[in-house]
C-alpha cells in the first residue's frame, strides 16, 4: 500500500501539470497566498486573536480603535476595531471563512447543474438541446447579480421568518443558479464532438445505456475546461457574495462575510475610521487575485497548444 502511494505521488510529481506549476513563480506564489487564506479562514477559531462573535468578549469602550501602529492603537487589536469593538483581524478571518464556504458551495452546485444539463443537451440533442440552450440564452441576457437578487428576493418572500437561518443556503442557491450557463455551454460543445468519436460509437454497439456512456466515457473527456471555469468561477462567486452582502441581502450581520464587513466599514469611511473597510477590502482583493492567477495558470497548463 505504501509503495503504491509513493508511486502515485512520484507519478503526480513528474506529470506535465506539476512541471508547469513548479516552473511558474506566479502560480506558486498565488497557491501559497490562497492556501494561507484558506488556512486562516478554516482555523479562525484557533488563530484569531479574539472571537468577534462572542458577546461576552465585546466591549464598546474598544470601539473604533485605530491600528496598533497609529497613535491611540492597542497592540491587542493589530488592525483596529469596528463600531462594536470587534477586532478587525479576527473578523477578517471569520468573514473569509463564510465567503469561501459560500463561494465553493455555489461553484459545486453550478458545476453539477451545468455539467449535467450540458451533457444531456450535447448528447441527446433535438428539442431537449434547443430548450436547455434557449433557457441559457435567456439567462445570459441578465447580469448574474440580478439573477441572484431575484432568487434571494423570492426566498425572502416565501420564507419571511426563516430567511436569516437559511441565508447561507439561499446565497448558495442564488449564486449557483446564476452561474450554471458557462458550464452547460462548454460541456455541450465538447460533448457534441466526443459523441461522434469511435469509442462512443463502440459503446453504443455494445448496448451500453446512454446515461452510462455519458457518465463513464464522455464526462471524463470534457472535464478539462470545466476545471478551469470552476477555478475562476470561485473568485466570481466570492465577489458576487460580497456584492450581495454589501447590498444587505447576504448573510445576517451576526455572521458577517467580507462583503458585510466592507458595508459596515463604508459607513465610517468619511468620518476617518478608514481601517474598518480598508482591511476587509484588501483581504477580499488578495484572495480573489490569488484565485484568478491560479485559474489563469491552470488554463494555460491544460491547453495543449501552449505546451
Foldseek 3Di string as FASTA:
>chain_A
DVVVVVVVVVCVCPDLLNVLCVPDPLLVVLVVLQVVLQVLQVCLVPPPLDQQLPPVPWDQVQALQAAQVDPRHDPSQRHGHHNRNGRLVSLLSLQSNLLLVLLLLLLVLLQVVLLVLLLCLQQVPDPSVVVVVVVLVVLVVDQLLVQLVVQLVVCCVVCVPCCQVCQSVSLSVSNNVSRNSVSNVQLSVQNNVVCPDDVNVVCVVVVDDPVCCSVPPSVVVRCLVVVLVSLLSSLVSSVSQLVCLLVPSGHDPSRHHLSVQLNSLVVCCVVPSVSSNVVSVVSSVSNSVSSVSNSVSSVLSSDVVND
